[in-house]
Amino acid sequence: MKLSTKGRYAVTAMLDLALHENRGPVILADISQGQGISLSYLEQLFARLRRARLVTGVRGPGGGYRLARPAQVITVADVIVAVDDNGDALGGYEGKLNGAHCLTHDLWSELSAQIYDFLNGITLADLASESSIRVLARTETAQRTSDVLFDPQEC
């Protein structure tokens, strides 16, 4: 499995959705601000997550994104595979030298499989239930709420 910044950001954004799903759809600008991820980058990631049917968009006032399935059934591996450029769940290592497998091909393939199995065993709900993550989410939610309640532009 190929672990990249793209996958890490996608997992972070999906966890944000899972943590805030009881508040309705989440707009990408909130995720961008809360997680420090570029809005245009999030738009690219969410196009892939939509195609993989991991998120759904809600149009209109109060719109945004929400998880397409319960957080209990979306795994970290699902998210990473959805945004992976080559679409290969165990990809990232070709292991070929002059058209033949290199000496360590099986080692790296097995490692990729182990990583995939590990991440496939962790759901967004598992992550969302961790106390350290919940504390961070409460702090972030309070910050988002205070930004809405007090807008220095309006003073």
Protein backbone atom coordinates (compact mmCIF):
# COMPACT_ATOMS: atom_id res chain seq x y z
CA MET A 1 0.00 0.00 0.00
CA LYS A 2 1.29 3.39 -0.96
CA LEU A 3 1.27 5.84 1.96
CA SER A 4 1.38 9.44 0.81
CA THR A 5 0.52 12.94 1.93
CA LYS A 6 -2.58 12.68 -0.25
CA GLY A 7 -3.76 9.66 1.73
CA ARG A 8 -2.91 11.26 5.06
CA TYR A 9 -4.87 14.41 4.21
CA ALA A 10 -7.81 12.38 2.95
CA VAL A 11 -7.94 10.34 6.17
CA THR A 12 -7.72 13.55 8.22
CA ALA A 13 -10.58 15.14 6.25
CA MET A 14 -12.73 12.01 6.49
CA LEU A 15 -12.11 11.82 10.23
CA ASP A 16 -13.21 15.44 10.47
CA LEU A 17 -16.48 14.48 8.75
CA ALA A 18 -16.94 11.52 11.09
CA LEU A 19 -16.36 13.68 14.17
CA HIS A 20 -18.85 16.31 13.02
CA GLU A 21 -21.47 14.10 11.36
CA ASN A 22 -24.04 14.80 14.09
CA ARG A 23 -23.94 18.50 13.16
CA GLY A 24 -24.99 17.92 9.55
CA PRO A 25 -23.02 18.44 6.35
CA VAL A 26 -19.55 19.94 6.73
CA ILE A 27 -18.24 22.52 4.29
CA LEU A 28 -14.76 22.05 2.90
CA ALA A 29 -13.75 25.54 4.04
CA ASP A 30 -14.26 24.42 7.66
CA ILE A 31 -12.11 21.35 7.13
CA SER A 32 -9.51 23.47 5.35
CA GLN A 33 -9.34 25.94 8.21
CA GLY A 34 -9.51 23.36 10.99
CA GLN A 35 -6.98 20.95 9.53
CA GLY A 36 -4.68 23.35 7.69
CA ILE A 37 -5.27 21.73 4.31
CA SER A 38 -5.56 23.84 1.17
CA LEU A 39 -9.17 24.22 0.01
CA SER A 40 -8.27 23.50 -3.62
CA TYR A 41 -6.44 20.33 -2.53
CA LEU A 42 -9.48 19.23 -0.51
CA GLU A 43 -11.69 19.78 -3.55
CA GLN A 44 -9.48 17.41 -5.56
CA LEU A 45 -9.51 14.81 -2.79
CA PHE A 46 -13.27 15.02 -2.33
CA ALA A 47 -13.85 14.51 -6.06
CA ARG A 48 -12.06 11.16 -5.67
CA LEU A 49 -13.84 10.34 -2.41
CA ARG A 50 -17.19 11.04 -4.13
CA ARG A 51 -16.29 8.76 -7.04
CA ALA A 52 -15.41 6.05 -4.51
CA ARG A 53 -18.80 6.63 -2.85
CA LEU A 54 -17.28 7.42 0.51
CA VAL A 55 -18.84 10.89 0.73
CA THR A 56 -21.95 12.57 -0.60
CA GLY A 57 -22.42 16.22 -1.36
CA VAL A 58 -25.40 18.18 -0.06
CA ARG A 59 -26.31 21.22 -2.14
CA GLY A 60 -27.83 24.50 -1.08
CA PRO A 61 -27.85 26.47 2.16
CA GLY A 62 -26.58 24.32 4.97
CA GLY A 63 -24.93 22.06 2.41
CA GLY A 64 -21.53 20.49 2.43
CA TYR A 65 -20.28 16.93 2.65
CA ARG A 66 -21.20 13.98 4.77
CA LEU A 67 -20.09 10.38 4.96
CA ALA A 68 -21.90 8.18 2.44
CA ARG A 69 -21.78 5.22 4.82
CA PRO A 70 -21.56 4.90 8.59
CA ALA A 71 -18.14 5.64 10.05
CA GLN A 72 -18.17 2.10 11.47
CA VAL A 73 -17.80 0.60 7.99
CA ILE A 74 -15.37 3.02 6.31
CA THR A 75 -11.81 1.90 6.89
CA VAL A 76 -8.63 3.93 6.67
CA ALA A 77 -7.58 1.64 3.81
CA ASP A 78 -10.80 2.49 1.93
CA VAL A 79 -9.93 6.19 2.10
CA ILE A 80 -6.30 5.76 1.05
CA VAL A 81 -7.21 3.48 -1.87
CA ALA A 82 -9.86 6.00 -3.02
CA VAL A 83 -7.34 8.83 -3.40
CA ASP A 84 -4.37 6.75 -4.60
CA ASP A 85 -3.21 7.89 -8.03
CA ASN A 86 -2.71 4.46 -9.52
CA GLY A 87 -5.74 2.81 -7.90
CA ASP A 88 -3.62 -0.14 -6.85
CA ALA A 89 -4.40 -1.02 -3.23
CA LEU A 90 -1.06 -2.72 -2.77
CA GLY A 91 0.83 -0.56 -5.21
CA GLY A 92 3.73 1.77 -4.78
CA TYR A 93 6.41 -0.81 -5.42
CA GLU A 94 7.02 -2.25 -8.84
CA GLY A 95 10.01 -4.33 -7.77
CA LYS A 96 11.31 -4.91 -11.27
CA LEU A 97 14.81 -4.73 -12.63
CA ASN A 98 15.21 -5.11 -16.39
CA GLY A 99 11.67 -6.53 -16.63
CA ALA A 100 12.19 -9.19 -13.93
CA HIS A 101 11.31 -9.09 -10.25
CA CYS A 102 14.14 -7.83 -8.07
CA LEU A 103 15.53 -9.88 -5.21
CA THR A 104 13.46 -8.13 -2.54
CA HIS A 105 10.17 -7.93 -4.46
CA ASP A 106 8.42 -10.44 -2.21
CA LEU A 107 9.58 -8.60 0.93
CA TRP A 108 8.11 -5.27 -0.20
CA SER A 109 4.93 -6.88 -1.52
CA GLU A 110 4.39 -8.61 1.82
CA LEU A 111 5.01 -5.35 3.69
CA SER A 112 2.44 -3.59 1.49
CA ALA A 113 -0.07 -6.35 2.21
CA GLN A 114 0.60 -6.09 5.97
CA ILE A 115 0.10 -2.32 5.92
CA TYR A 116 -3.12 -2.71 3.96
CA ASP A 117 -4.42 -5.36 6.37
CA PHE A 118 -3.57 -3.16 9.36
CA LEU A 119 -5.28 -0.06 7.93
CA ASN A 120 -8.23 -2.13 6.69
CA GLY A 121 -8.85 -3.11 10.30
CA ILE A 122 -9.24 0.49 11.50
CA THR A 123 -12.50 2.34 10.84
CA LEU A 124 -13.21 6.05 11.05
CA ALA A 125 -15.41 5.25 14.06
CA ASP A 126 -12.43 3.57 15.77
CA LEU A 127 -10.35 6.70 15.29
CA ALA A 128 -13.19 9.02 16.29
CA SER A 129 -13.64 7.15 19.56
CA GLU A 130 -10.05 7.74 20.72
CA SER A 131 -10.07 10.17 23.64
CA SER A 132 -7.10 12.24 22.40
CA ILE A 133 -8.79 12.77 19.04
CA ARG A 134 -12.10 13.71 20.70
CA VAL A 135 -10.34 16.35 22.83
CA LEU A 136 -8.74 17.88 19.73
CA ALA A 137 -12.08 17.81 17.91
CA ARG A 138 -13.86 19.61 20.77
CA THR A 139 -11.19 22.32 20.78
CA GLU A 140 -11.44 22.68 17.01
CA THR A 141 -15.25 22.78 17.12
CA ALA A 142 -15.14 25.50 19.77
CA GLN A 143 -12.76 27.48 17.57
CA ARG A 144 -15.06 27.07 14.55
CA THR A 145 -18.06 28.18 16.62
CA SER A 146 -16.26 31.23 18.02
CA ASP A 147 -15.22 32.21 14.49
CA VAL A 148 -18.89 32.19 13.52
CA LEU A 149 -20.04 34.08 16.62
CA PHE A 150 -17.36 36.77 16.48
CA ASP A 151 -16.39 38.07 13.09
CA PRO A 152 -13.92 40.97 13.38
CA GLN A 153 -15.02 42.16 9.91
CA GLU A 154 -18.43 43.01 11.38
CA CYS A 155 -17.07 45.29 14.14
